[in-house]
């Protein structure tokens, strides 16, 4: 599962726990209702500006999304990038 999918799931969990429906959350975040529904149900990737708006509306800090699984995934990606760079230093050049 991709990181953005995990974030979408966590946002939907918070929304549900707070008894807020998708329509109201979409309105408050300035996102089209259908767009937010597709995003929270895994049919569309969330854009960065939507994530910021949702975090603002739900009063969530980005650390809310960093659980053990996500931290392990981020660590693995960082170590892979370091290994790739050490074996091919020119791989990150334009």
PDB file of N, CA and C in Angstrom:
ATOM      1  N   UNK A   1       0.842  -1.177   0.000  1.00  0.00           N
ATOM      2  CA  UNK A   1       0.000   0.000   0.000  1.00  0.00           C
ATOM      3  C   UNK A   1       0.888   1.242   0.000  1.00  0.00           C
ATOM      4  N   UNK A   2       0.542   2.184  -0.833  1.00  0.00           N
ATOM      5  CA  UNK A   2       1.314   3.417  -0.945  1.00  0.00           C
ATOM      6  C   UNK A   2       1.036   4.336   0.244  1.00  0.00           C
ATOM      7  N   UNK A   3       1.993   5.193   0.533  1.00  0.00           N
ATOM      8  CA  UNK A   3       1.880   6.131   1.641  1.00  0.00           C
ATOM      9  C   UNK A   3       0.630   6.999   1.521  1.00  0.00           C
ATOM     10  N   UNK A   4       0.350   7.515   0.336  1.00  0.00           N
ATOM     11  CA  UNK A   4      -0.807   8.396   0.170  1.00  0.00           C
ATOM     12  C   UNK A   4      -2.110   7.647   0.424  1.00  0.00           C
ATOM     13  N   UNK A   5      -2.145   6.349   0.122  1.00  0.00           N
ATOM     14  CA  UNK A   5      -3.339   5.552   0.423  1.00  0.00           C
ATOM     15  C   UNK A   5      -3.535   5.419   1.929  1.00  0.00           C
ATOM     16  N   UNK A   6      -2.432   5.212   2.646  1.00  0.00           N
ATOM     17  CA  UNK A   6      -2.514   5.117   4.104  1.00  0.00           C
ATOM     18  C   UNK A   6      -2.990   6.441   4.707  1.00  0.00           C
ATOM     19  N   UNK A   7      -2.518   7.543   4.161  1.00  0.00           N
ATOM     20  CA  UNK A   7      -2.941   8.858   4.643  1.00  0.00           C
ATOM     21  C   UNK A   7      -4.431   9.048   4.391  1.00  0.00           C
ATOM     22  N   UNK A   8      -4.903   8.668   3.211  1.00  0.00           N
ATOM     23  CA  UNK A   8      -6.335   8.784   2.901  1.00  0.00           C
ATOM     24  C   UNK A   8      -7.173   7.970   3.885  1.00  0.00           C
ATOM     25  N   UNK A   9      -6.714   6.766   4.197  1.00  0.00           N
ATOM     26  CA  UNK A   9      -7.431   5.910   5.142  1.00  0.00           C
ATOM     27  C   UNK A   9      -7.485   6.569   6.515  1.00  0.00           C
ATOM     28  N   UNK A  10      -6.368   7.127   6.947  1.00  0.00           N
ATOM     29  CA  UNK A  10      -6.325   7.759   8.273  1.00  0.00           C
ATOM     30  C   UNK A  10      -7.206   9.001   8.325  1.00  0.00           C
ATOM     31  N   UNK A  11      -7.229   9.768   7.254  1.00  0.00           N
ATOM     32  CA  UNK A  11      -8.114  10.945   7.212  1.00  0.00           C
ATOM     33  C   UNK A  11      -9.569  10.501   7.293  1.00  0.00           C
ATOM     34  N   UNK A  12      -9.924   9.461   6.554  1.00  0.00           N
ATOM     35  CA  UNK A  12     -11.300   8.974   6.591  1.00  0.00           C
ATOM     36  C   UNK A  12     -11.660   8.438   7.979  1.00  0.00           C
ATOM     37  N   UNK A  13     -10.708   7.798   8.653  1.00  0.00           N
ATOM     38  CA  UNK A  13     -10.953   7.314  10.013  1.00  0.00           C
ATOM     39  C   UNK A  13     -11.243   8.478  10.959  1.00  0.00           C
ATOM     40  N   UNK A  14     -10.434   9.534  10.873  1.00  0.00           N
ATOM     41  CA  UNK A  14     -10.640  10.705  11.733  1.00  0.00           C
ATOM     42  C   UNK A  14     -11.988  11.340  11.427  1.00  0.00           C
ATOM     43  N   UNK A  15     -12.286  11.494  10.152  1.00  0.00           N
ATOM     44  CA  UNK A  15     -13.565  12.077   9.734  1.00  0.00           C
ATOM     45  C   UNK A  15     -14.722  11.285  10.342  1.00  0.00           C
ATOM     46  N   UNK A  16     -14.652   9.972  10.224  1.00  0.00           N
ATOM     47  CA  UNK A  16     -15.711   9.106  10.734  1.00  0.00           C
ATOM     48  C   UNK A  16     -15.812   9.177  12.259  1.00  0.00           C
ATOM     49  N   UNK A  17     -14.672   9.145  12.954  1.00  0.00           N
ATOM     50  CA  UNK A  17     -14.659   9.217  14.416  1.00  0.00           C
ATOM     51  C   UNK A  17     -15.283  10.511  14.922  1.00  0.00           C
ATOM     52  N   UNK A  18     -15.136  11.567  14.147  1.00  0.00           N
ATOM     53  CA  UNK A  18     -15.682  12.865  14.549  1.00  0.00           C
ATOM     54  C   UNK A  18     -17.121  13.070  14.071  1.00  0.00           C
ATOM     55  N   UNK A  19     -17.677  12.053  13.426  1.00  0.00           N
ATOM     56  CA  UNK A  19     -19.062  12.120  12.994  1.00  0.00           C
ATOM     57  C   UNK A  19     -19.316  13.109  11.875  1.00  0.00           C
ATOM     58  N   UNK A  20     -18.299  13.380  11.096  1.00  0.00           N
ATOM     59  CA  UNK A  20     -18.425  14.347  10.000  1.00  0.00           C
ATOM     60  C   UNK A  20     -18.612  13.597   8.691  1.00  0.00           C
ATOM     61  N   UNK A  21     -19.609  13.984   7.913  1.00  0.00           N
ATOM     62  CA  UNK A  21     -19.784  13.302   6.631  1.00  0.00           C
ATOM     63  C   UNK A  21     -18.856  13.905   5.571  1.00  0.00           C
ATOM     64  N   UNK A  22     -18.683  13.157   4.501  1.00  0.00           N
ATOM     65  CA  UNK A  22     -17.762  13.566   3.441  1.00  0.00           C
ATOM     66  C   UNK A  22     -18.191  14.884   2.811  1.00  0.00           C
ATOM     67  N   UNK A  23     -19.491  15.079   2.657  1.00  0.00           N
ATOM     68  CA  UNK A  23     -19.990  16.314   2.040  1.00  0.00           C
ATOM     69  C   UNK A  23     -19.575  17.537   2.842  1.00  0.00           C
ATOM     70  N   UNK A  24     -19.745  17.480   4.155  1.00  0.00           N
ATOM     71  CA  UNK A  24     -19.380  18.615   5.011  1.00  0.00           C
ATOM     72  C   UNK A  24     -17.870  18.833   5.026  1.00  0.00           C
ATOM     73  N   UNK A  25     -17.105  17.750   5.116  1.00  0.00           N
ATOM     74  CA  UNK A  25     -15.648  17.883   5.098  1.00  0.00           C
ATOM     75  C   UNK A  25     -15.180  18.478   3.778  1.00  0.00           C
ATOM     76  N   UNK A  26     -15.743  18.029   2.685  1.00  0.00           N
ATOM     77  CA  UNK A  26     -15.381  18.560   1.366  1.00  0.00           C
ATOM     78  C   UNK A  26     -15.681  20.054   1.292  1.00  0.00           C
ATOM     79  N   UNK A  27     -16.861  20.450   1.756  1.00  0.00           N
ATOM     80  CA  UNK A  27     -17.242  21.864   1.731  1.00  0.00           C
ATOM     81  C   UNK A  27     -16.270  22.710   2.538  1.00  0.00           C
ATOM     82  N   UNK A  28     -15.961  22.261   3.753  1.00  0.00           N
ATOM     83  CA  UNK A  28     -15.071  23.019   4.634  1.00  0.00           C
ATOM     84  C   UNK A  28     -13.642  23.089   4.094  1.00  0.00           C
ATOM     85  N   UNK A  29     -13.212  22.032   3.378  1.00  0.00           N
ATOM     86  CA  UNK A  29     -11.837  21.989   2.842  1.00  0.00           C
ATOM     87  C   UNK A  29     -11.738  22.613   1.453  1.00  0.00           C
ATOM     88  N   UNK A  30     -12.872  22.964   0.852  1.00  0.00           N
ATOM     89  CA  UNK A  30     -12.845  23.554  -0.483  1.00  0.00           C
ATOM     90  C   UNK A  30     -12.528  22.546  -1.575  1.00  0.00           C
ATOM     91  N   UNK A  31     -12.965  21.320  -1.371  1.00  0.00           N
ATOM     92  CA  UNK A  31     -12.738  20.236  -2.334  1.00  0.00           C
ATOM     93  C   UNK A  31     -14.103  19.760  -2.820  1.00  0.00           C
ATOM     94  N   UNK A  32     -14.207  19.448  -4.092  1.00  0.00           N
ATOM     95  CA  UNK A  32     -15.475  18.930  -4.617  1.00  0.00           C
ATOM     96  C   UNK A  32     -15.827  17.635  -3.900  1.00  0.00           C
ATOM     97  N   UNK A  33     -17.096  17.477  -3.578  1.00  0.00           N
ATOM     98  CA  UNK A  33     -17.576  16.308  -2.854  1.00  0.00           C
ATOM     99  C   UNK A  33     -17.185  15.006  -3.555  1.00  0.00           C
ATOM    100  N   UNK A  34     -17.427  14.924  -4.845  1.00  0.00           N
ATOM    101  CA  UNK A  34     -17.122  13.708  -5.606  1.00  0.00           C
ATOM    102  C   UNK A  34     -15.612  13.422  -5.602  1.00  0.00           C
ATOM    103  N   UNK A  35     -14.815  14.472  -5.701  1.00  0.00           N
ATOM    104  CA  UNK A  35     -13.357  14.335  -5.685  1.00  0.00           C
ATOM    105  C   UNK A  35     -12.888  13.761  -4.355  1.00  0.00           C
ATOM    106  N   UNK A  36     -13.411  14.303  -3.252  1.00  0.00           N
ATOM    107  CA  UNK A  36     -13.010  13.810  -1.937  1.00  0.00           C
ATOM    108  C   UNK A  36     -13.482  12.371  -1.729  1.00  0.00           C
ATOM    109  N   UNK A  37     -14.692  12.060  -2.162  1.00  0.00           N
ATOM    110  CA  UNK A  37     -15.196  10.694  -2.022  1.00  0.00           C
ATOM    111  C   UNK A  37     -14.278   9.715  -2.750  1.00  0.00           C
ATOM    112  N   UNK A  38     -13.922  10.035  -3.987  1.00  0.00           N
ATOM    113  CA  UNK A  38     -13.032   9.163  -4.764  1.00  0.00           C
ATOM    114  C   UNK A  38     -11.683   9.016  -4.068  1.00  0.00           C
ATOM    115  N   UNK A  39     -11.172  10.103  -3.523  1.00  0.00           N
ATOM    116  CA  UNK A  39      -9.870  10.087  -2.850  1.00  0.00           C
ATOM    117  C   UNK A  39      -9.910   9.194  -1.618  1.00  0.00           C
ATOM    118  N   UNK A  40     -10.911   9.382  -0.776  1.00  0.00           N
ATOM    119  CA  UNK A  40     -10.988   8.625   0.467  1.00  0.00           C
ATOM    120  C   UNK A  40     -11.332   7.159   0.255  1.00  0.00           C
ATOM    121  N   UNK A  41     -11.848   6.824  -0.916  1.00  0.00           N
ATOM    122  CA  UNK A  41     -12.169   5.428  -1.219  1.00  0.00           C
ATOM    123  C   UNK A  41     -11.150   4.776  -2.150  1.00  0.00           C
ATOM    124  N   UNK A  42     -10.005   5.429  -2.328  1.00  0.00           N
ATOM    125  CA  UNK A  42      -8.903   4.823  -3.063  1.00  0.00           C
ATOM    126  C   UNK A  42      -9.016   4.847  -4.570  1.00  0.00           C
ATOM    127  N   UNK A  43      -9.919   5.657  -5.107  1.00  0.00           N
ATOM    128  CA  UNK A  43     -10.098   5.723  -6.549  1.00  0.00           C
ATOM    129  C   UNK A  43      -9.355   6.886  -7.189  1.00  0.00           C
ATOM    130  N   UNK A  44      -8.639   7.646  -6.381  1.00  0.00           N
ATOM    131  CA  UNK A  44      -7.925   8.829  -6.853  1.00  0.00           C
ATOM    132  C   UNK A  44      -6.855   9.171  -5.830  1.00  0.00           C
ATOM    133  N   UNK A  45      -5.691   9.616  -6.306  1.00  0.00           N
ATOM    134  CA  UNK A  45      -4.636  10.027  -5.382  1.00  0.00           C
ATOM    135  C   UNK A  45      -4.884  11.442  -4.883  1.00  0.00           C
ATOM    136  N   UNK A  46      -4.601  11.647  -3.620  1.00  0.00           N
ATOM    137  CA  UNK A  46      -4.762  12.961  -3.015  1.00  0.00           C
ATOM    138  C   UNK A  46      -3.636  13.884  -3.455  1.00  0.00           C
ATOM    139  N   UNK A  47      -3.978  15.125  -3.719  1.00  0.00           N
ATOM    140  CA  UNK A  47      -2.981  16.129  -4.071  1.00  0.00           C
ATOM    141  C   UNK A  47      -2.497  16.814  -2.802  1.00  0.00           C
ATOM    142  N   UNK A  48      -1.303  17.372  -2.859  1.00  0.00           N
ATOM    143  CA  UNK A  48      -0.693  17.987  -1.681  1.00  0.00           C
ATOM    144  C   UNK A  48      -1.560  19.105  -1.110  1.00  0.00           C
ATOM    145  N   UNK A  49      -2.122  19.950  -1.973  1.00  0.00           N
ATOM    146  CA  UNK A  49      -2.936  21.058  -1.459  1.00  0.00           C
ATOM    147  C   UNK A  49      -4.213  20.547  -0.789  1.00  0.00           C
ATOM    148  N   UNK A  50      -4.734  19.420  -1.252  1.00  0.00           N
ATOM    149  CA  UNK A  50      -5.906  18.819  -0.614  1.00  0.00           C
ATOM    150  C   UNK A  50      -5.541  18.273   0.765  1.00  0.00           C
ATOM    151  N   UNK A  51      -4.367  17.644   0.862  1.00  0.00           N
ATOM    152  CA  UNK A  51      -3.909  17.135   2.153  1.00  0.00           C
ATOM    153  C   UNK A  51      -3.768  18.271   3.156  1.00  0.00           C
ATOM    154  N   UNK A  52      -3.170  19.367   2.737  1.00  0.00           N
ATOM    155  CA  UNK A  52      -2.996  20.517   3.628  1.00  0.00           C
ATOM    156  C   UNK A  52      -4.360  21.046   4.071  1.00  0.00           C
ATOM    157  N   UNK A  53      -5.296  21.188   3.129  1.00  0.00           N
ATOM    158  CA  UNK A  53      -6.631  21.697   3.461  1.00  0.00           C
ATOM    159  C   UNK A  53      -7.348  20.764   4.434  1.00  0.00           C
ATOM    160  N   UNK A  54      -7.263  19.464   4.207  1.00  0.00           N
ATOM    161  CA  UNK A  54      -7.922  18.503   5.089  1.00  0.00           C
ATOM    162  C   UNK A  54      -7.309  18.515   6.482  1.00  0.00           C
ATOM    163  N   UNK A  55      -5.985  18.604   6.549  1.00  0.00           N
ATOM    164  CA  UNK A  55      -5.316  18.678   7.852  1.00  0.00           C
ATOM    165  C   UNK A  55      -5.738  19.941   8.601  1.00  0.00           C
ATOM    166  N   UNK A  56      -5.851  21.034   7.885  1.00  0.00           N
ATOM    167  CA  UNK A  56      -6.265  22.302   8.507  1.00  0.00           C
ATOM    168  C   UNK A  56      -7.689  22.183   9.059  1.00  0.00           C
ATOM    169  N   UNK A  57      -8.592  21.681   8.240  1.00  0.00           N
ATOM    170  CA  UNK A  57      -9.993  21.567   8.639  1.00  0.00           C
ATOM    171  C   UNK A  57     -10.157  20.594   9.804  1.00  0.00           C
ATOM    172  N   UNK A  58      -9.438  19.490   9.765  1.00  0.00           N
ATOM    173  CA  UNK A  58      -9.540  18.474  10.815  1.00  0.00           C
ATOM    174  C   UNK A  58      -8.613  18.750  11.996  1.00  0.00           C
ATOM    175  N   UNK A  59      -7.829  19.832  11.883  1.00  0.00           N
ATOM    176  CA  UNK A  59      -6.861  20.213  12.933  1.00  0.00           C
ATOM    177  C   UNK A  59      -5.898  19.061  13.245  1.00  0.00           C
ATOM    178  N   UNK A  60      -5.330  18.511  12.160  1.00  0.00           N
ATOM    179  CA  UNK A  60      -4.382  17.404  12.284  1.00  0.00           C
ATOM    180  C   UNK A  60      -2.980  17.884  11.959  1.00  0.00           C
ATOM    181  N   UNK A  61      -2.031  17.404  12.713  1.00  0.00           N
ATOM    182  CA  UNK A  61      -0.620  17.623  12.448  1.00  0.00           C
ATOM    183  C   UNK A  61      -0.161  16.495  11.519  1.00  0.00           C
ATOM    184  N   UNK A  62       0.819  16.764  10.663  1.00  0.00           N
ATOM    185  CA  UNK A  62       1.307  15.724   9.766  1.00  0.00           C
ATOM    186  C   UNK A  62       1.847  14.517  10.529  1.00  0.00           C
ATOM    187  N   UNK A  63       2.316  14.714  11.755  1.00  0.00           N
ATOM    188  CA  UNK A  63       2.803  13.592  12.561  1.00  0.00           C
ATOM    189  C   UNK A  63       1.701  12.584  12.869  1.00  0.00           C
ATOM    190  N   UNK A  64       0.449  13.007  12.739  1.00  0.00           N
ATOM    191  CA  UNK A  64      -0.676  12.100  12.967  1.00  0.00           C
ATOM    192  C   UNK A  64      -0.626  10.903  12.013  1.00  0.00           C
ATOM    193  N   UNK A  65       0.016  11.088  10.877  1.00  0.00           N
ATOM    194  CA  UNK A  65       0.032  10.052   9.848  1.00  0.00           C
ATOM    195  C   UNK A  65       1.243   9.135   9.929  1.00  0.00           C
ATOM    196  N   UNK A  66       2.173   9.456  10.803  1.00  0.00           N
ATOM    197  CA  UNK A  66       3.397   8.663  10.882  1.00  0.00           C
ATOM    198  C   UNK A  66       3.238   7.599  11.959  1.00  0.00           C
ATOM    199  N   UNK A  67       2.863   6.409  11.538  1.00  0.00           N
ATOM    200  CA  UNK A  67       2.811   5.287  12.462  1.00  0.00           C
ATOM    201  C   UNK A  67       4.025   4.399  12.185  1.00  0.00           C
ATOM    202  N   UNK A  68       4.121   3.310  12.874  1.00  0.00           N
ATOM    203  CA  UNK A  68       5.288   2.435  12.742  1.00  0.00           C
ATOM    204  C   UNK A  68       5.458   1.917  11.314  1.00  0.00           C
ATOM    205  N   UNK A  69       4.367   1.513  10.685  1.00  0.00           N
ATOM    206  CA  UNK A  69       4.434   0.978   9.318  1.00  0.00           C
ATOM    207  C   UNK A  69       4.916   2.049   8.339  1.00  0.00           C
ATOM    208  N   UNK A  70       4.371   3.235   8.457  1.00  0.00           N
ATOM    209  CA  UNK A  70       4.768   4.323   7.564  1.00  0.00           C
ATOM    210  C   UNK A  70       6.228   4.694   7.808  1.00  0.00           C
ATOM    211  N   UNK A  71       6.640   4.729   9.078  1.00  0.00           N
ATOM    212  CA  UNK A  71       8.029   5.053   9.389  1.00  0.00           C
ATOM    213  C   UNK A  71       8.971   4.015   8.796  1.00  0.00           C
ATOM    214  N   UNK A  72       8.604   2.746   8.873  1.00  0.00           N
ATOM    215  CA  UNK A  72       9.422   1.687   8.280  1.00  0.00           C
ATOM    216  C   UNK A  72       9.508   1.859   6.764  1.00  0.00           C
ATOM    217  N   UNK A  73       8.394   2.199   6.140  1.00  0.00           N
ATOM    218  CA  UNK A  73       8.364   2.414   4.687  1.00  0.00           C
ATOM    219  C   UNK A  73       9.253   3.600   4.300  1.00  0.00           C
ATOM    220  N   UNK A  74       9.145   4.693   5.049  1.00  0.00           N
ATOM    221  CA  UNK A  74       9.974   5.866   4.760  1.00  0.00           C
ATOM    222  C   UNK A  74      11.460   5.558   4.956  1.00  0.00           C
ATOM    223  N   UNK A  75      11.772   4.840   6.024  1.00  0.00           N
ATOM    224  CA  UNK A  75      13.167   4.448   6.268  1.00  0.00           C
ATOM    225  C   UNK A  75      13.701   3.596   5.126  1.00  0.00           C
ATOM    226  N   UNK A  76      12.911   2.631   4.683  1.00  0.00           N
ATOM    227  CA  UNK A  76      13.345   1.746   3.591  1.00  0.00           C
ATOM    228  C   UNK A  76      13.594   2.550   2.315  1.00  0.00           C
ATOM    229  N   UNK A  77      12.710   3.498   2.019  1.00  0.00           N
ATOM    230  CA  UNK A  77      12.887   4.328   0.825  1.00  0.00           C
ATOM    231  C   UNK A  77      14.139   5.191   0.921  1.00  0.00           C
ATOM    232  N   UNK A  78      14.388   5.741   2.096  1.00  0.00           N
ATOM    233  CA  UNK A  78      15.587   6.567   2.286  1.00  0.00           C
ATOM    234  C   UNK A  78      16.855   5.738   2.112  1.00  0.00           C
ATOM    235  N   UNK A  79      16.886   4.545   2.731  1.00  0.00           N
ATOM    236  CA  UNK A  79      18.068   3.687   2.611  1.00  0.00           C
ATOM    237  C   UNK A  79      18.273   3.228   1.171  1.00  0.00           C
ATOM    238  N   UNK A  80      17.195   2.963   0.454  1.00  0.00           N
ATOM    239  CA  UNK A  80      17.314   2.585  -0.949  1.00  0.00           C
ATOM    240  C   UNK A  80      17.908   3.731  -1.758  1.00  0.00           C
ATOM    241  N   UNK A  81      17.454   4.944  -1.509  1.00  0.00           N
ATOM    242  CA  UNK A  81      17.984   6.112  -2.224  1.00  0.00           C
ATOM    243  C   UNK A  81      19.465   6.302  -1.925  1.00  0.00           C
ATOM    244  N   UNK A  82      19.858   6.079  -0.673  1.00  0.00           N
ATOM    245  CA  UNK A  82      21.273   6.203  -0.291  1.00  0.00           C
ATOM    246  C   UNK A  82      22.099   5.138  -0.991  1.00  0.00           C
ATOM    247  N   UNK A  83      21.601   3.892  -1.014  1.00  0.00           N
ATOM    248  CA  UNK A  83      22.324   2.818  -1.704  1.00  0.00           C
ATOM    249  C   UNK A  83      22.447   3.109  -3.196  1.00  0.00           C
ATOM    250  N   UNK A  84      21.341   3.556  -3.800  1.00  0.00           N
ATOM    251  CA  UNK A  84      21.356   3.874  -5.226  1.00  0.00           C
ATOM    252  C   UNK A  84      22.362   4.983  -5.521  1.00  0.00           C
ATOM    253  N   UNK A  85      22.389   5.976  -4.668  1.00  0.00           N
ATOM    254  CA  UNK A  85      23.309   7.095  -4.867  1.00  0.00           C
ATOM    255  C   UNK A  85      24.761   6.647  -4.686  1.00  0.00           C
ATOM    256  N   UNK A  86      24.988   5.765  -3.722  1.00  0.00           N
ATOM    257  CA  UNK A  86      26.372   5.321  -3.485  1.00  0.00           C
ATOM    258  C   UNK A  86      26.892   4.425  -4.603  1.00  0.00           C
ATOM    259  N   UNK A  87      26.000   3.677  -5.251  1.00  0.00           N
ATOM    260  CA  UNK A  87      26.446   2.812  -6.340  1.00  0.00           C
ATOM    261  C   UNK A  87      26.452   3.525  -7.688  1.00  0.00           C
ATOM    262  N   UNK A  88      25.653   4.573  -7.809  1.00  0.00           N
ATOM    263  CA  UNK A  88      25.595   5.329  -9.055  1.00  0.00           C
ATOM    264  C   UNK A  88      25.385   6.810  -8.716  1.00  0.00           C
ATOM    265  N   UNK A  89      26.474   7.526  -8.378  1.00  0.00           N
ATOM    266  CA  UNK A  89      26.350   8.920  -7.932  1.00  0.00           C
ATOM    267  C   UNK A  89      25.732   9.858  -8.949  1.00  0.00           C
ATOM    268  N   UNK A  90      25.708   9.468 -10.193  1.00  0.00           N
ATOM    269  CA  UNK A  90      25.166  10.346 -11.224  1.00  0.00           C
ATOM    270  C   UNK A  90      23.673  10.104 -11.483  1.00  0.00           C
ATOM    271  N   UNK A  91      23.078   9.159 -10.748  1.00  0.00           N
ATOM    272  CA  UNK A  91      21.680   8.797 -11.001  1.00  0.00           C
ATOM    273  C   UNK A  91      20.693   9.900 -10.626  1.00  0.00           C
ATOM    274  N   UNK A  92      21.112  10.847  -9.781  1.00  0.00           N
ATOM    275  CA  UNK A  92      20.194  11.902  -9.364  1.00  0.00           C
ATOM    276  C   UNK A  92      20.467  13.222 -10.077  1.00  0.00           C
ATOM    277  N   UNK A  93      21.343  13.203 -11.060  1.00  0.00           N
ATOM    278  CA  UNK A  93      21.615  14.414 -11.813  1.00  0.00           C
ATOM    279  C   UNK A  93      20.561  14.587 -12.895  1.00  0.00           C
ATOM    280  N   UNK A  94      20.359  15.828 -13.291  1.00  0.00           N
ATOM    281  CA  UNK A  94      19.396  16.111 -14.365  1.00  0.00           C
ATOM    282  C   UNK A  94      19.946  15.745 -15.702  1.00  0.00           C
TER     283      UNK A  94
END
